N, C-alpha and C. Protein backbone atom coordinates (compact mmCIF):
# COMPACT_ATOMS: atom_id res chain seq x y z
N MET A 1 54.66 3.61 -11.80
CA MET A 1 53.73 4.57 -11.42
C MET A 1 51.98 3.86 -10.65
N ALA A 2 52.04 4.47 -9.18
CA ALA A 2 51.50 4.06 -8.57
C ALA A 2 50.05 3.73 -8.56
N THR A 3 49.38 3.12 -7.84
CA THR A 3 47.82 2.55 -8.53
C THR A 3 46.57 2.49 -6.70
N LEU A 4 46.24 3.24 -7.16
CA LEU A 4 45.29 3.23 -6.40
C LEU A 4 43.69 2.67 -6.47
N LEU A 5 43.18 1.94 -6.27
CA LEU A 5 41.92 1.60 -6.88
C LEU A 5 40.36 1.81 -5.05
N GLN A 6 39.04 2.28 -6.13
CA GLN A 6 38.45 2.79 -5.44
C GLN A 6 37.34 1.87 -5.50
N ILE A 7 36.17 1.41 -4.61
CA ILE A 7 35.29 0.36 -4.75
C ILE A 7 34.53 1.51 -3.69
N ASN A 8 33.27 1.87 -4.78
CA ASN A 8 32.56 2.33 -3.73
C ASN A 8 31.08 1.68 -4.01
N SER A 9 30.42 1.49 -3.17
CA SER A 9 28.89 0.12 -2.83
C SER A 9 28.28 1.06 -2.14
N SER A 10 27.95 2.31 -2.40
CA SER A 10 26.22 2.96 -1.72
C SER A 10 25.75 3.19 -3.30
N LEU A 11 24.80 3.20 -2.40
CA LEU A 11 23.06 2.49 -3.60
C LEU A 11 23.13 4.03 -4.16
N SER A 12 23.33 4.96 -3.77
CA SER A 12 23.39 6.02 -3.82
C SER A 12 24.38 6.61 -4.73
N GLY A 13 25.38 5.72 -5.47
CA GLY A 13 26.86 6.64 -5.80
C GLY A 13 27.03 7.62 -5.64
N ASP A 14 27.75 8.23 -5.85
CA ASP A 14 28.31 10.00 -5.68
C ASP A 14 27.31 10.66 -4.54
N GLN A 15 26.39 10.10 -4.27
CA GLN A 15 25.40 11.42 -3.59
C GLN A 15 26.12 10.53 -2.13
N GLY A 16 26.15 9.08 -1.70
CA GLY A 16 25.74 8.46 -0.62
C GLY A 16 27.50 8.90 -0.05
N HIS A 17 27.27 8.93 1.87
CA HIS A 17 28.42 9.54 2.54
C HIS A 17 29.86 9.07 2.29
N SER A 18 28.94 7.28 2.31
CA SER A 18 30.60 6.61 2.62
C SER A 18 31.32 7.31 0.86
N SER A 19 30.89 6.57 0.06
CA SER A 19 31.30 7.62 -1.36
C SER A 19 31.85 8.78 -1.30
N ALA A 20 31.45 9.96 -0.82
CA ALA A 20 31.56 11.20 0.05
C ALA A 20 32.79 11.15 0.39
N LEU A 21 33.06 10.73 1.10
CA LEU A 21 34.18 10.46 1.65
C LEU A 21 35.18 9.81 1.35
N ALA A 22 35.05 9.16 0.45
CA ALA A 22 36.68 8.01 -0.22
C ALA A 22 36.52 9.04 -1.75
N ASN A 23 36.20 9.59 -2.13
CA ASN A 23 36.21 10.47 -3.20
C ASN A 23 36.83 11.64 -2.56
N GLN A 24 37.38 12.38 -1.61
CA GLN A 24 37.42 13.27 -0.73
C GLN A 24 38.96 12.75 -0.48
N PHE A 25 39.27 11.50 0.43
CA PHE A 25 40.00 10.74 0.68
C PHE A 25 41.12 10.53 -1.08
N THR A 26 40.57 9.82 -1.93
CA THR A 26 40.72 10.13 -3.04
C THR A 26 41.47 11.13 -3.88
N GLU A 27 40.91 12.11 -3.82
CA GLU A 27 41.33 13.22 -4.43
C GLU A 27 42.44 13.97 -3.43
N ARG A 28 43.04 13.75 -2.04
CA ARG A 28 44.08 13.60 -1.52
C ARG A 28 44.91 12.94 -1.97
N TRP A 29 45.05 11.93 -2.54
CA TRP A 29 45.96 10.88 -2.87
C TRP A 29 46.46 11.46 -4.22
N ARG A 30 45.51 11.47 -4.98
CA ARG A 30 45.90 12.29 -6.24
C ARG A 30 46.71 13.31 -6.26
N GLU A 31 46.33 14.27 -5.42
CA GLU A 31 47.37 15.85 -5.00
C GLU A 31 48.70 15.01 -4.23
N ARG A 32 48.51 14.76 -3.79
CA ARG A 32 50.11 13.11 -3.88
C ARG A 32 51.06 12.89 -4.56
N ASN A 33 50.47 12.09 -5.25
CA ASN A 33 50.83 11.10 -6.49
C ASN A 33 50.31 11.79 -8.01
N PRO A 34 50.67 12.89 -8.13
CA PRO A 34 50.02 13.37 -9.51
C PRO A 34 50.63 12.49 -10.60
N GLY A 35 51.02 11.95 -10.20
CA GLY A 35 51.26 11.02 -11.70
C GLY A 35 50.78 9.69 -11.79
N GLY A 36 50.45 9.26 -10.24
CA GLY A 36 49.45 8.26 -10.12
C GLY A 36 48.23 7.95 -11.37
N ARG A 37 47.89 6.63 -11.06
CA ARG A 37 46.39 6.09 -11.43
C ARG A 37 45.63 5.50 -10.65
N VAL A 38 44.31 6.41 -10.93
CA VAL A 38 43.17 5.68 -9.61
C VAL A 38 42.34 5.38 -11.00
N ILE A 39 41.86 3.78 -10.03
CA ILE A 39 40.76 3.11 -11.09
C ILE A 39 39.60 2.72 -10.20
N VAL A 40 38.28 3.30 -9.87
CA VAL A 40 36.63 3.31 -9.82
C VAL A 40 36.05 2.89 -10.79
N ARG A 41 35.47 1.91 -9.35
CA ARG A 41 34.50 0.67 -9.42
C ARG A 41 33.59 1.21 -8.80
N ASP A 42 32.13 2.15 -9.10
CA ASP A 42 31.03 1.97 -8.09
C ASP A 42 30.24 0.88 -9.35
N LEU A 43 29.46 -0.01 -7.30
CA LEU A 43 28.94 -0.69 -7.62
C LEU A 43 27.47 -0.39 -8.42
N ALA A 44 27.26 0.79 -7.33
CA ALA A 44 26.69 0.91 -8.18
C ALA A 44 25.46 1.39 -9.59
N ARG A 45 26.85 1.75 -10.20
CA ARG A 45 26.33 2.08 -11.76
C ARG A 45 27.33 0.47 -12.71
N GLN A 46 28.30 -0.11 -11.61
CA GLN A 46 28.76 -1.03 -12.93
C GLN A 46 28.91 -2.06 -12.36
N ALA A 47 27.25 -2.90 -12.25
CA ALA A 47 26.43 -4.29 -11.19
C ALA A 47 27.51 -5.06 -10.45
N ILE A 48 27.87 -5.79 -10.23
CA ILE A 48 28.54 -7.09 -10.82
C ILE A 48 27.53 -7.86 -9.91
N PRO A 49 27.30 -8.87 -10.93
CA PRO A 49 26.56 -10.20 -10.68
C PRO A 49 26.64 -10.95 -9.69
N HIS A 50 25.66 -11.34 -8.77
CA HIS A 50 25.83 -12.08 -7.21
C HIS A 50 25.87 -13.36 -8.12
N LEU A 51 26.58 -14.10 -7.18
CA LEU A 51 27.34 -15.35 -7.04
C LEU A 51 25.96 -16.23 -7.27
N ASP A 52 26.30 -16.90 -8.27
CA ASP A 52 25.13 -18.13 -8.41
C ASP A 52 25.43 -19.76 -8.83
N ALA A 53 24.96 -20.41 -9.20
CA ALA A 53 24.89 -21.92 -9.29
C ALA A 53 26.26 -21.61 -10.67
N GLU A 54 25.85 -20.49 -11.55
CA GLU A 54 26.57 -21.27 -12.80
C GLU A 54 27.87 -20.37 -12.76
N ARG A 55 28.21 -19.42 -12.05
CA ARG A 55 29.29 -18.41 -11.46
C ARG A 55 30.49 -19.87 -10.65
N LEU A 56 29.64 -20.10 -9.99
CA LEU A 56 29.84 -20.36 -8.59
C LEU A 56 30.97 -21.84 -9.53
N ASN A 57 30.00 -22.83 -10.22
CA ASN A 57 30.50 -24.20 -11.59
C ASN A 57 31.81 -23.38 -12.49
N ALA A 58 31.36 -22.39 -12.65
CA ALA A 58 32.40 -21.85 -13.81
C ALA A 58 33.35 -21.74 -12.88
N PHE A 59 34.25 -21.76 -11.97
CA PHE A 59 35.10 -20.68 -10.96
C PHE A 59 35.39 -22.12 -10.60
N ILE A 60 35.16 -23.80 -10.46
CA ILE A 60 35.72 -24.16 -9.66
C ILE A 60 36.58 -25.97 -10.82
N THR A 61 35.52 -25.11 -12.42
CA THR A 61 35.87 -25.95 -13.22
C THR A 61 37.35 -25.81 -13.39
N PRO A 62 38.06 -26.90 -13.79
CA PRO A 62 40.07 -27.02 -14.26
C PRO A 62 39.27 -25.69 -15.08
N ALA A 63 40.31 -24.88 -15.43
CA ALA A 63 40.33 -24.79 -16.88
C ALA A 63 40.40 -25.35 -18.16
N ASP A 64 40.48 -26.48 -18.38
CA ASP A 64 41.08 -27.41 -19.67
C ASP A 64 39.70 -27.68 -19.99
N LYS A 65 38.95 -27.69 -18.81
CA LYS A 65 38.04 -28.36 -19.33
C LYS A 65 36.31 -26.86 -18.78
N ARG A 66 36.26 -26.28 -18.78
CA ARG A 66 35.49 -24.96 -19.01
C ARG A 66 34.49 -24.86 -19.73
N THR A 67 33.55 -24.21 -20.58
CA THR A 67 32.91 -24.33 -21.01
C THR A 67 33.37 -22.46 -22.07
N GLN A 68 33.05 -22.60 -23.30
CA GLN A 68 32.98 -20.92 -23.69
C GLN A 68 32.41 -19.93 -22.59
N ALA A 69 31.06 -20.32 -22.43
CA ALA A 69 30.30 -19.46 -21.40
C ALA A 69 30.74 -19.54 -20.24
N GLN A 70 31.76 -20.33 -19.63
CA GLN A 70 32.43 -20.18 -17.81
C GLN A 70 34.02 -19.57 -18.19
N GLU A 71 34.09 -19.21 -19.53
CA GLU A 71 35.61 -19.16 -19.76
C GLU A 71 35.53 -17.59 -19.36
N GLU A 72 33.95 -16.69 -20.22
CA GLU A 72 33.77 -15.60 -20.00
C GLU A 72 33.78 -15.16 -18.87
N ILE A 73 32.63 -16.00 -17.50
CA ILE A 73 32.65 -15.71 -16.19
C ILE A 73 34.11 -15.88 -15.48
N VAL A 74 35.47 -16.26 -15.23
CA VAL A 74 36.04 -16.81 -15.06
C VAL A 74 37.03 -15.44 -15.45
N ALA A 75 36.86 -14.82 -16.77
CA ALA A 75 37.99 -13.96 -17.37
C ALA A 75 37.40 -12.33 -16.93
N TYR A 76 35.63 -12.30 -17.10
CA TYR A 76 35.40 -10.98 -15.91
C TYR A 76 36.17 -11.28 -14.76
N SER A 77 36.05 -12.36 -13.95
CA SER A 77 36.12 -12.40 -12.24
C SER A 77 37.60 -12.46 -12.14
N ASP A 78 39.04 -12.52 -13.27
CA ASP A 78 40.08 -12.34 -13.36
C ASP A 78 40.83 -11.24 -13.60
N GLN A 79 39.79 -9.94 -14.17
CA GLN A 79 39.75 -8.88 -14.55
C GLN A 79 39.88 -8.23 -12.77
N LEU A 80 38.25 -8.68 -12.55
CA LEU A 80 38.58 -7.76 -10.96
C LEU A 80 39.67 -7.80 -9.55
N ILE A 81 39.84 -9.20 -9.50
CA ILE A 81 41.41 -9.86 -9.02
C ILE A 81 42.87 -9.39 -9.47
N ASP A 82 42.77 -8.88 -11.36
CA ASP A 82 43.99 -8.32 -11.27
C ASP A 82 43.94 -7.16 -11.04
N GLU A 83 43.16 -6.31 -10.79
CA GLU A 83 43.20 -5.00 -10.65
C GLU A 83 43.09 -4.07 -8.70
N LEU A 84 42.64 -5.70 -8.36
CA LEU A 84 43.14 -5.82 -7.13
C LEU A 84 44.86 -6.05 -6.74
N ARG A 85 45.33 -6.88 -7.26
CA ARG A 85 46.44 -7.36 -7.15
C ARG A 85 47.41 -5.89 -7.15
N ARG A 86 46.91 -5.66 -8.69
CA ARG A 86 47.67 -4.64 -9.05
C ARG A 86 47.52 -3.20 -8.67
N ALA A 87 46.72 -2.85 -7.56
CA ALA A 87 47.25 -2.32 -6.74
C ALA A 87 48.02 -1.98 -5.65
N ASP A 88 47.72 -0.45 -6.02
CA ASP A 88 49.60 -0.66 -4.31
C ASP A 88 48.15 -0.11 -3.03
N ALA A 89 47.10 0.51 -3.52
CA ALA A 89 46.28 0.77 -2.26
C ALA A 89 45.17 1.19 -2.06
N VAL A 90 44.25 0.42 -1.71
CA VAL A 90 42.78 0.19 -1.91
C VAL A 90 41.71 0.74 -1.39
N VAL A 91 40.68 1.69 -1.83
CA VAL A 91 39.08 2.69 -0.96
C VAL A 91 38.67 2.05 -1.18
N PHE A 92 37.37 1.89 0.43
CA PHE A 92 36.79 1.08 -0.02
C PHE A 92 35.58 2.09 0.46
N GLY A 93 34.23 3.05 -0.18
CA GLY A 93 33.15 3.43 0.47
C GLY A 93 32.25 2.48 0.50
N VAL A 94 32.08 2.49 2.53
CA VAL A 94 30.86 0.98 2.08
C VAL A 94 29.47 2.15 3.87
N PRO A 95 28.25 1.61 2.87
CA PRO A 95 27.38 2.27 3.87
C PRO A 95 26.87 1.30 4.38
N MET A 96 25.42 1.50 5.69
CA MET A 96 26.01 0.68 6.73
C MET A 96 24.00 0.36 5.77
N TYR A 97 24.01 -1.39 5.57
CA TYR A 97 22.32 -1.56 4.76
C TYR A 97 22.05 -2.73 6.21
N ASN A 98 21.14 -2.54 6.44
CA ASN A 98 20.06 -3.55 7.76
C ASN A 98 21.59 -4.39 8.43
N PHE A 99 22.37 -3.33 8.92
CA PHE A 99 23.71 -4.24 10.31
C PHE A 99 24.49 -4.88 8.78
N GLY A 100 24.63 -4.71 7.93
CA GLY A 100 25.79 -5.17 7.08
C GLY A 100 25.92 -4.55 5.26
N VAL A 101 26.87 -5.40 4.72
CA VAL A 101 27.53 -4.48 3.67
C VAL A 101 26.90 -4.79 2.69
N PRO A 102 26.53 -3.87 1.62
CA PRO A 102 25.76 -4.10 0.62
C PRO A 102 25.86 -4.81 -0.13
N SER A 103 25.12 -5.46 -0.52
CA SER A 103 24.80 -7.38 -0.88
C SER A 103 25.38 -6.76 -2.72
N THR A 104 25.25 -5.77 -3.19
CA THR A 104 26.13 -5.01 -4.66
C THR A 104 28.15 -5.32 -4.37
N LEU A 105 28.61 -5.06 -2.31
CA LEU A 105 29.44 -5.07 -2.29
C LEU A 105 30.23 -6.22 -1.65
N LYS A 106 29.60 -7.15 -1.18
CA LYS A 106 29.12 -8.88 -1.01
C LYS A 106 29.23 -9.77 -3.40
N ALA A 107 28.61 -9.30 -3.38
CA ALA A 107 29.02 -9.98 -4.78
C ALA A 107 30.10 -9.84 -5.74
N TYR A 108 30.21 -8.42 -5.16
CA TYR A 108 32.79 -8.11 -4.99
C TYR A 108 33.62 -8.95 -5.30
N PHE A 109 32.72 -9.04 -3.48
CA PHE A 109 33.99 -10.04 -2.50
C PHE A 109 33.80 -11.30 -3.25
N ASP A 110 32.80 -11.70 -3.80
CA ASP A 110 32.77 -13.07 -4.14
C ASP A 110 33.19 -13.33 -5.46
N HIS A 111 33.38 -12.19 -6.28
CA HIS A 111 34.04 -12.53 -7.49
C HIS A 111 35.79 -12.33 -7.09
N VAL A 112 35.74 -11.92 -6.19
CA VAL A 112 37.45 -11.42 -6.11
C VAL A 112 38.06 -13.18 -5.03
N ALA A 113 37.46 -13.57 -4.57
CA ALA A 113 37.90 -14.50 -2.95
C ALA A 113 37.83 -15.89 -4.02
N ARG A 114 39.09 -16.76 -4.94
CA ARG A 114 38.86 -17.84 -5.89
C ARG A 114 39.78 -18.50 -5.03
N SER A 115 39.99 -19.92 -5.07
CA SER A 115 41.20 -20.24 -4.17
C SER A 115 42.48 -20.78 -5.94
N GLY A 116 43.35 -20.66 -4.69
CA GLY A 116 44.48 -21.11 -6.22
C GLY A 116 44.97 -19.59 -6.45
N GLU A 117 43.47 -18.68 -6.42
CA GLU A 117 43.95 -17.13 -6.94
C GLU A 117 44.08 -15.91 -6.32
N THR A 118 43.71 -16.02 -4.68
CA THR A 118 43.79 -14.78 -3.50
C THR A 118 43.73 -15.53 -2.60
N PHE A 119 43.67 -16.97 -2.19
CA PHE A 119 43.61 -17.40 -1.32
C PHE A 119 43.78 -18.87 -1.36
N ARG A 120 44.47 -19.79 -0.50
CA ARG A 120 44.84 -21.54 -0.64
C ARG A 120 44.74 -22.53 0.62
N TYR A 121 44.28 -23.32 1.03
CA TYR A 121 44.01 -23.68 1.86
C TYR A 121 45.34 -24.27 2.12
N THR A 122 45.94 -24.64 3.10
CA THR A 122 47.47 -24.74 4.04
C THR A 122 47.20 -25.91 4.57
N SER A 123 47.97 -26.94 5.24
CA SER A 123 47.61 -27.76 6.60
C SER A 123 47.78 -26.90 7.99
N SER A 124 48.42 -25.57 7.72
CA SER A 124 48.02 -24.71 8.90
C SER A 124 46.75 -23.80 9.06
N GLY A 125 46.11 -23.82 7.65
CA GLY A 125 44.31 -23.24 8.01
C GLY A 125 44.81 -22.42 6.46
N PRO A 126 44.55 -21.70 6.12
CA PRO A 126 44.06 -20.85 4.60
C PRO A 126 44.90 -19.25 4.97
N GLU A 127 44.85 -19.69 3.28
CA GLU A 127 46.76 -18.19 2.72
C GLU A 127 46.34 -17.65 2.23
N GLY A 128 46.01 -16.41 2.59
CA GLY A 128 46.27 -15.53 1.17
C GLY A 128 46.69 -15.20 0.82
N LEU A 129 46.60 -14.62 -1.05
CA LEU A 129 47.84 -15.26 -1.66
C LEU A 129 47.87 -13.30 -2.20
N LEU A 130 47.59 -12.60 -2.32
CA LEU A 130 47.63 -11.13 -2.69
C LEU A 130 48.45 -10.64 -1.32
N ASP A 131 48.98 -9.18 -2.13
CA ASP A 131 50.26 -8.90 -1.40
C ASP A 131 49.67 -8.14 -0.02
N ASP A 132 50.19 -7.82 0.25
CA ASP A 132 49.50 -6.77 1.54
C ASP A 132 49.76 -5.20 1.76
N LYS A 133 48.55 -4.57 1.34
CA LYS A 133 48.99 -3.26 0.80
C LYS A 133 47.82 -2.37 1.83
N PRO A 134 48.13 -0.84 1.82
CA PRO A 134 46.76 0.08 2.76
C PRO A 134 45.68 0.00 1.81
N VAL A 135 44.48 -0.72 3.69
CA VAL A 135 42.96 -0.42 2.64
C VAL A 135 42.21 -0.16 4.04
N TYR A 136 41.56 1.36 3.01
CA TYR A 136 41.22 2.06 3.67
C TYR A 136 39.68 2.13 3.37
N ILE A 137 38.79 2.21 4.36
CA ILE A 137 36.81 1.79 4.24
C ILE A 137 36.89 2.89 5.08
N PHE A 138 35.66 3.30 4.24
CA PHE A 138 34.83 4.50 4.55
C PHE A 138 33.31 4.47 4.92
N ALA A 139 33.44 4.41 6.32
CA ALA A 139 31.68 3.80 6.64
C ALA A 139 30.99 4.69 7.11
N ALA A 140 29.70 4.63 6.42
CA ALA A 140 28.88 5.34 7.12
C ALA A 140 27.99 4.92 7.56
N ARG A 141 27.13 5.69 8.35
CA ARG A 141 26.27 4.28 9.57
C ARG A 141 24.93 5.40 9.49
N GLY A 142 24.13 5.23 9.81
CA GLY A 142 22.55 6.33 10.33
C GLY A 142 22.34 5.97 11.33
N GLY A 143 23.05 5.26 11.88
CA GLY A 143 23.59 5.44 13.27
C GLY A 143 24.17 5.47 14.14
N ILE A 144 24.59 4.50 15.84
CA ILE A 144 25.95 4.90 16.19
C ILE A 144 26.21 3.36 16.54
N TYR A 145 27.20 2.94 15.54
CA TYR A 145 27.90 0.34 16.07
C TYR A 145 28.25 0.27 16.24
N GLN A 146 29.88 1.20 16.17
CA GLN A 146 31.46 1.68 15.69
C GLN A 146 31.45 1.21 17.36
N GLY A 147 32.36 -0.41 17.76
CA GLY A 147 32.51 -0.49 19.11
C GLY A 147 31.29 -1.95 19.56
N THR A 148 30.11 -1.95 18.67
CA THR A 148 29.01 -2.47 19.76
C THR A 148 28.41 -3.84 19.36
N ASP A 149 27.84 -4.38 19.55
CA ASP A 149 27.54 -6.21 19.11
C ASP A 149 26.70 -5.96 17.81
N ALA A 150 26.18 -3.96 17.31
CA ALA A 150 25.41 -4.84 16.47
C ALA A 150 26.27 -4.09 14.94
N ASP A 151 27.71 -3.29 15.22
CA ASP A 151 28.56 -2.98 13.86
C ASP A 151 28.65 -4.28 14.04
N SER A 152 28.04 -4.89 12.69
CA SER A 152 28.66 -6.14 12.10
C SER A 152 29.59 -6.26 10.61
N GLN A 153 30.03 -4.92 10.50
CA GLN A 153 30.37 -4.99 9.55
C GLN A 153 32.40 -5.15 9.72
N THR A 154 33.05 -3.87 10.76
CA THR A 154 33.89 -4.35 10.74
C THR A 154 34.72 -5.92 10.98
N GLY A 155 34.40 -6.97 11.58
CA GLY A 155 34.66 -7.71 11.71
C GLY A 155 35.30 -8.26 10.04
N TYR A 156 33.74 -8.62 10.29
CA TYR A 156 33.01 -9.40 8.34
C TYR A 156 34.65 -8.92 8.11
N LEU A 157 34.49 -7.25 7.57
CA LEU A 157 35.94 -7.15 6.51
C LEU A 157 37.22 -7.53 6.17
N ASN A 158 37.15 -7.10 8.22
CA ASN A 158 39.09 -7.27 8.39
C ASN A 158 38.99 -8.94 8.67
N THR A 159 37.98 -9.47 8.43
CA THR A 159 38.42 -11.32 8.22
C THR A 159 38.33 -11.08 6.78
N PHE A 160 37.55 -10.90 5.70
CA PHE A 160 37.58 -11.38 4.58
C PHE A 160 38.67 -10.92 4.08
N LEU A 161 39.31 -9.15 4.41
CA LEU A 161 40.83 -8.71 3.54
C LEU A 161 41.65 -9.57 4.21
N ALA A 162 41.72 -10.05 4.86
CA ALA A 162 42.80 -10.96 6.12
C ALA A 162 43.02 -12.41 5.20
N PHE A 163 42.06 -12.81 5.15
CA PHE A 163 41.17 -13.90 4.14
C PHE A 163 42.26 -14.26 3.11
N LEU A 164 42.09 -12.97 2.39
CA LEU A 164 42.78 -12.31 0.85
C LEU A 164 44.36 -12.82 1.12
N GLY A 165 44.62 -11.83 2.89
CA GLY A 165 46.26 -11.15 3.01
C GLY A 165 46.09 -9.82 2.64
N LEU A 166 45.06 -9.25 3.22
CA LEU A 166 45.31 -7.88 3.41
C LEU A 166 44.49 -7.09 4.60
N THR A 167 46.16 -7.09 5.28
CA THR A 167 45.98 -6.71 7.04
C THR A 167 45.86 -5.41 7.89
N ASP A 168 46.20 -4.49 6.35
CA ASP A 168 46.55 -3.13 6.59
C ASP A 168 45.35 -2.10 6.94
N THR A 169 44.56 -2.53 7.36
CA THR A 169 42.71 -1.38 7.60
C THR A 169 43.38 -0.97 8.00
N HIS A 170 42.33 0.56 7.66
CA HIS A 170 42.11 1.96 8.31
C HIS A 170 40.91 2.08 8.11
N PHE A 171 40.35 2.22 8.98
CA PHE A 171 38.92 2.27 8.69
C PHE A 171 38.37 3.89 9.92
N VAL A 172 37.69 4.29 8.69
CA VAL A 172 36.58 5.47 9.22
C VAL A 172 35.92 6.03 9.35
N TYR A 173 35.09 6.12 10.53
CA TYR A 173 33.22 6.23 10.42
C TYR A 173 32.36 7.53 10.53
N ALA A 174 31.60 7.52 9.67
CA ALA A 174 30.67 8.72 9.43
C ALA A 174 29.40 8.41 10.23
N GLU A 175 29.15 8.25 12.08
CA GLU A 175 28.15 7.96 12.44
C GLU A 175 27.24 8.73 12.27
N GLY A 176 26.16 8.39 13.07
CA GLY A 176 24.48 8.86 13.43
C GLY A 176 24.28 9.96 12.77
N MET A 177 24.85 9.57 11.44
CA MET A 177 24.26 10.78 10.53
C MET A 177 22.33 10.61 10.03
N ALA A 178 21.80 9.73 10.35
CA ALA A 178 20.20 9.96 10.33
C ALA A 178 19.71 10.46 11.88
N MET A 179 20.62 10.61 12.06
CA MET A 179 20.03 11.29 14.28
C MET A 179 19.02 12.78 14.50
N SER A 180 20.55 12.71 13.58
CA SER A 180 20.42 14.71 14.27
C SER A 180 20.88 15.70 12.51
N GLY A 181 21.13 16.08 12.50
CA GLY A 181 21.86 17.25 11.81
C GLY A 181 22.91 18.20 12.64
N ASP A 182 22.66 17.51 13.56
CA ASP A 182 24.29 18.19 14.37
C ASP A 182 25.28 17.11 14.51
N HIS A 183 24.32 16.04 14.92
CA HIS A 183 25.07 14.34 14.58
C HIS A 183 26.00 14.12 13.12
N LYS A 184 24.79 15.01 11.92
CA LYS A 184 25.48 14.05 11.16
C LYS A 184 27.06 14.91 10.51
N GLU A 185 27.01 15.87 11.19
CA GLU A 185 28.00 17.18 10.71
C GLU A 185 28.86 17.36 11.77
N LYS A 186 28.67 16.90 12.69
CA LYS A 186 30.36 16.26 13.55
C LYS A 186 30.74 15.05 13.19
N ALA A 187 30.10 14.40 12.65
CA ALA A 187 30.80 12.98 12.00
C ALA A 187 31.63 13.60 10.54
N LEU A 188 30.81 13.76 9.74
CA LEU A 188 31.72 14.65 8.88
C LEU A 188 32.13 14.97 8.79
N GLU A 189 32.95 16.26 9.55
CA GLU A 189 33.92 16.83 10.22
C GLU A 189 34.77 16.09 11.17
N SER A 190 34.80 14.93 11.33
CA SER A 190 35.04 13.73 12.15
C SER A 190 35.60 13.35 11.03
N ALA A 191 35.18 12.52 10.32
CA ALA A 191 35.97 11.97 8.89
C ALA A 191 36.74 12.88 8.46
N GLN A 192 36.41 13.77 8.09
CA GLN A 192 36.64 14.68 6.51
C GLN A 192 38.68 14.32 7.35
N ALA A 193 38.79 15.40 8.99
CA ALA A 193 39.97 15.25 9.79
C ALA A 193 40.43 14.48 9.77
N GLU A 194 40.42 12.68 9.95
CA GLU A 194 41.13 11.75 9.89
C GLU A 194 41.23 11.54 8.28
N ILE A 195 40.10 12.22 6.96
CA ILE A 195 40.83 11.96 6.16
C ILE A 195 42.80 12.88 5.86
N THR A 196 42.17 13.81 6.03
CA THR A 196 43.91 14.58 6.57
C THR A 196 44.92 14.32 6.89
N GLN A 197 44.35 13.15 8.46
CA GLN A 197 45.58 12.99 8.94
C GLN A 197 46.10 11.55 7.63
N LEU A 198 45.05 11.23 7.64
CA LEU A 198 45.49 9.27 7.16
C LEU A 198 45.88 10.14 5.58
N ALA A 199 45.77 10.83 4.65
CA ALA A 199 46.27 11.29 3.22
C ALA A 199 47.76 12.23 3.61
N ALA A 200 47.81 12.34 4.70
CA ALA A 200 49.17 13.17 4.94
C ALA A 200 50.61 12.42 5.24
N ALA A 201 50.06 10.79 6.24
CA ALA A 201 50.62 10.12 5.73
C ALA A 201 51.58 9.24 5.33
């Protein structure tokens, strides 16, 4: 049974444009995989704690030396990693906030980037430990940033995901959403056309 993991990071939940586009892709995926399983994590509704010293220490403490509290922290991280590891494809809904990804998404990344679990360092550099799989990223922005120095998201997301072993990334941009009604309409139409193409691939 195929499994799709969807992670929405808009603070507006399903009302966010990035979430709506990710949801549209997921519905197309369901149509093509009627027996498939979809796991949805809405980071606005299922808040993931931001990384702090307590959590970092739990991650780096050897398993046989962890306290009960540390075991619980690691078990939560293990659950997120297991979802990511078992998924056959991953979908991210990513708005742009102040030229970066939402802090909720960064918190998620901080929980799934664990040495010895999703990456390791070798004599030739870091090596991702996740099996590669398609990753679809729906990026909604108020302005137009794709291909400019102000687009800090695309490079960061590609770098981070590759660090874990995920290099098969597909970006769909909806830009100019706050510029005018015409910009917004055209951006959504373009993104929806790309969704149709991706879902049929």
